[in-house]
Amino acid sequence: MITLELFAALVGYYIVMYITPGPNNTMLTVSGIKFGFLRTIPHLFGIPTGHALQLTLVCLGLGVIFEQYPIIQEILKWAGTAYLVYLAWKIFGSLQVGEQETGKPLKFYEGIIFQFVNPKAWVICGTAVSLFFPREESLLISILFLVLISYLVNLPCISCWALFGSGIKRFLKNNKIKKTTEWIMALLLILTAFSILIG
């Protein structure tokens, strides 16, 4: 049954998971720095959309498949970790403020696809379904409950990071601050990747 207590607990869980540093938030900060907030919007909407698809799949039984065949989850963990380390490496030297930007921000569908190699996103889905899935409700109502709240909480939380990136852009003309920011962003990605790998 969906109660006020369950609703509040789920919202609290989502806020903590979506607003804390992770691959999506790091990438949105970098995108905000490089391209500004407006050009980051397609990427911004792709993240909760992809995560909603992930969450739906886990609700429909993908989590059971992971339990029966843990090798699949292990492969996803390693692939996701390798990709996040690659992204961390790509961040170095990428924050070229004041120069002609040759790259492009992630598109909406790329933001969706990235969720399927994002280890933190899989952890969020698995935990949300195992702890907050209202089993007394119909399957459709239960999925809508988890997915809609996820989308509504996710979007404002991750928007803060894109806004933060676009806000600090002007300070990165100082080479020392630019290098420090690159190191912090890269380190956040690496720490996230390895914390999930050993978790």
Protein backbone atom coordinates (compact mmCIF):
# COMPACT_ATOMS: atom_id res chain seq x y z
CA MET A 1 0.00 0.00 0.00
CA ILE A 2 1.20 3.51 -0.82
CA THR A 3 1.29 5.49 2.43
CA LEU A 4 2.52 8.95 3.31
CA GLU A 5 5.44 7.37 5.16
CA LEU A 6 6.44 5.32 2.11
CA PHE A 7 6.13 8.40 -0.11
CA ALA A 8 8.30 10.52 2.22
CA ALA A 9 10.91 7.78 2.55
CA LEU A 10 11.13 7.31 -1.23
CA VAL A 11 11.42 11.06 -1.88
CA GLY A 12 14.14 11.33 0.76
CA TYR A 13 16.04 8.40 -0.74
CA TYR A 14 15.83 9.84 -4.26
CA ILE A 15 16.96 13.30 -3.14
CA VAL A 16 20.04 11.89 -1.44
CA MET A 17 20.93 9.67 -4.40
CA TYR A 18 20.28 12.21 -7.16
CA ILE A 19 21.82 15.32 -5.63
CA THR A 20 25.06 13.73 -4.41
CA PRO A 21 28.13 13.55 -6.70
CA GLY A 22 28.11 10.84 -9.32
CA PRO A 23 28.66 10.29 -13.05
CA ASN A 24 25.56 12.19 -14.20
CA ASN A 25 26.18 15.19 -11.97
CA THR A 26 29.85 15.37 -12.87
CA MET A 27 29.06 15.24 -16.58
CA LEU A 28 26.34 17.88 -16.21
CA THR A 29 28.74 20.19 -14.36
CA VAL A 30 31.32 19.80 -17.12
CA SER A 31 28.64 20.35 -19.78
CA GLY A 32 27.42 23.48 -17.96
CA ILE A 33 30.99 24.81 -17.90
CA LYS A 34 31.70 24.03 -21.55
CA PHE A 35 28.36 24.74 -23.20
CA GLY A 36 26.20 26.67 -20.71
CA PHE A 37 22.90 25.64 -19.14
CA LEU A 38 20.62 26.04 -22.16
CA ARG A 39 22.69 23.78 -24.43
CA THR A 40 22.85 21.20 -21.63
CA ILE A 41 19.02 20.90 -21.39
CA PRO A 42 18.66 17.91 -23.81
CA HIS A 43 21.28 16.00 -21.79
CA LEU A 44 19.49 17.10 -18.60
CA PHE A 45 16.15 15.61 -19.72
CA GLY A 46 17.77 12.47 -21.13
CA ILE A 47 19.05 11.42 -17.69
CA PRO A 48 15.71 11.04 -15.84
CA THR A 49 14.11 9.59 -18.97
CA GLY A 50 16.78 6.89 -19.27
CA HIS A 51 16.63 6.28 -15.54
CA ALA A 52 12.83 5.90 -15.73
CA LEU A 53 13.28 3.22 -18.42
CA GLN A 54 15.87 1.46 -16.25
CA LEU A 55 13.61 1.58 -13.22
CA THR A 56 10.68 0.20 -15.21
CA LEU A 57 12.79 -2.70 -16.47
CA VAL A 58 13.95 -3.55 -12.94
CA CYS A 59 10.32 -3.42 -11.71
CA LEU A 60 9.32 -5.77 -14.55
CA GLY A 61 11.84 -8.39 -13.50
CA LEU A 62 15.29 -7.38 -14.70
CA GLY A 63 16.36 -7.41 -11.06
CA VAL A 64 15.39 -11.09 -10.87
CA ILE A 65 17.52 -11.82 -13.93
CA PHE A 66 20.45 -10.09 -12.22
CA GLU A 67 19.90 -12.32 -9.18
CA GLN A 68 19.77 -15.50 -11.27
CA TYR A 69 22.71 -14.51 -13.47
CA PRO A 70 25.00 -12.31 -11.33
CA ILE A 71 27.65 -12.41 -14.07
CA ILE A 72 25.51 -9.95 -16.07
CA GLN A 73 25.59 -7.43 -13.24
CA GLU A 74 29.31 -8.01 -12.77
CA ILE A 75 29.96 -7.31 -16.47
CA LEU A 76 27.87 -4.13 -16.25
CA LYS A 77 29.84 -3.03 -13.18
CA TRP A 78 33.20 -3.51 -14.88
CA ALA A 79 32.06 -1.96 -18.16
CA GLY A 80 30.58 1.01 -16.32
CA THR A 81 33.71 1.47 -14.21
CA ALA A 82 35.96 1.36 -17.27
CA TYR A 83 33.78 3.91 -19.07
CA LEU A 84 33.74 6.27 -16.07
CA VAL A 85 37.53 6.10 -15.76
CA TYR A 86 37.74 6.89 -19.50
CA LEU A 87 35.43 9.90 -19.00
CA ALA A 88 37.56 11.05 -16.06
CA TRP A 89 40.65 10.94 -18.26
CA LYS A 90 38.83 12.89 -21.00
CA ILE A 91 38.00 15.70 -18.56
CA PHE A 92 41.66 16.74 -18.26
CA GLY A 93 42.30 19.67 -20.56
CA SER A 94 38.68 19.72 -21.74
CA LEU A 95 37.52 22.86 -19.92
CA GLN A 96 38.76 25.34 -22.50
CA VAL A 97 36.98 28.49 -21.39
CA GLY A 98 37.34 31.54 -23.59
CA GLU A 99 38.30 29.48 -26.63
CA GLN A 100 36.20 28.23 -29.51
CA GLU A 101 34.44 25.10 -28.29
CA THR A 102 34.70 22.32 -30.87
CA GLY A 103 32.81 19.59 -28.98
CA LYS A 104 29.07 19.16 -28.63
CA PRO A 105 26.91 18.61 -25.55
CA LEU A 106 25.27 15.21 -25.16
CA LYS A 107 21.99 14.82 -27.00
CA PHE A 108 18.74 13.70 -25.34
CA TYR A 109 19.07 10.09 -26.51
CA GLU A 110 22.74 9.97 -25.45
CA GLY A 111 21.70 10.99 -21.94
CA ILE A 112 19.21 8.09 -21.99
CA ILE A 113 21.75 5.54 -23.24
CA PHE A 114 24.38 6.59 -20.71
CA GLN A 115 22.16 5.42 -17.84
CA PHE A 116 22.59 1.82 -18.95
CA VAL A 117 26.37 1.95 -18.36
CA ASN A 118 26.09 4.12 -15.25
CA PRO A 119 26.78 1.89 -12.20
CA LYS A 120 25.24 4.37 -9.74
CA ALA A 121 21.98 4.42 -11.70
CA TRP A 122 21.70 0.61 -11.47
CA VAL A 123 22.32 0.72 -7.72
CA ILE A 124 19.59 3.36 -7.31
CA CYS A 125 17.11 1.25 -9.29
CA GLY A 126 17.86 -1.98 -7.46
CA THR A 127 17.62 -0.36 -4.03
CA ALA A 128 14.44 1.60 -4.86
CA VAL A 129 12.64 -1.52 -6.10
CA SER A 130 13.79 -3.73 -3.21
CA LEU A 131 12.99 -1.21 -0.45
CA PHE A 132 10.12 0.96 -1.71
CA PHE A 133 8.11 -1.12 -4.20
CA PRO A 134 4.49 -1.15 -2.89
CA ARG A 135 3.75 -4.87 -3.41
CA GLU A 136 0.12 -4.63 -2.30
CA GLU A 137 -0.70 -2.34 -5.24
CA SER A 138 -1.17 -3.39 -8.85
CA LEU A 139 2.01 -3.69 -10.91
CA LEU A 140 1.11 -0.64 -13.02
CA ILE A 141 0.40 1.59 -10.00
CA SER A 142 3.59 0.42 -8.26
CA ILE A 143 5.75 1.14 -11.31
CA LEU A 144 4.14 4.54 -11.85
CA PHE A 145 4.70 5.37 -8.18
CA LEU A 146 8.44 4.66 -8.35
CA VAL A 147 9.01 6.10 -11.84
CA LEU A 148 7.02 9.34 -11.61
CA ILE A 149 8.48 10.31 -8.25
CA SER A 150 11.93 9.44 -9.58
CA TYR A 151 11.49 11.75 -12.57
CA LEU A 152 10.05 14.63 -10.52
CA VAL A 153 12.83 14.45 -7.91
CA ASN A 154 15.68 13.67 -10.30
CA LEU A 155 15.26 16.64 -12.64
CA PRO A 156 15.57 19.50 -10.12
CA CYS A 157 18.39 17.73 -8.25
CA ILE A 158 20.59 17.24 -11.29
CA SER A 159 19.68 20.68 -12.68
CA CYS A 160 21.58 22.19 -9.73
CA TRP A 161 24.80 20.69 -11.08
CA ALA A 162 24.30 22.00 -14.63
CA LEU A 163 23.49 25.44 -13.20
CA PHE A 164 26.56 25.25 -10.96
CA GLY A 165 28.74 24.44 -13.98
CA SER A 166 27.41 27.31 -16.04
CA GLY A 167 27.77 29.61 -12.99
CA ILE A 168 31.45 28.89 -12.38
CA LYS A 169 32.38 29.12 -16.05
CA ARG A 170 33.64 32.69 -15.73
CA PHE A 171 36.06 31.77 -12.94
CA LEU A 172 37.80 29.15 -15.07
CA LYS A 173 39.71 31.71 -17.10
CA ASN A 174 42.24 31.41 -14.29
CA ASN A 175 44.37 28.42 -15.30
CA LYS A 176 44.97 27.30 -11.70
CA ILE A 177 41.23 27.20 -10.92
CA LYS A 178 40.59 25.45 -14.25
CA LYS A 179 43.13 22.69 -13.47
CA THR A 180 41.79 22.26 -9.94
CA THR A 181 38.24 21.94 -11.26
CA GLU A 182 39.32 19.33 -13.82
CA TRP A 183 41.03 17.31 -11.07
CA ILE A 184 37.97 17.49 -8.80
CA MET A 185 35.55 16.44 -11.57
CA ALA A 186 37.79 13.57 -12.66
CA LEU A 187 38.34 12.43 -9.08
CA LEU A 188 34.59 12.41 -8.37
CA LEU A 189 34.03 10.13 -11.36
CA ILE A 190 36.83 7.76 -10.34
CA LEU A 191 35.68 7.59 -6.72
CA THR A 192 32.10 6.88 -7.79
CA ALA A 193 33.20 4.16 -10.18
CA PHE A 194 35.39 2.34 -7.69
CA SER A 195 33.02 2.72 -4.73
CA ILE A 196 30.36 0.93 -6.76
CA LEU A 197 32.81 -1.65 -8.05
CA ILE A 198 33.87 -2.72 -4.56
CA GLY A 199 30.37 -2.21 -3.05
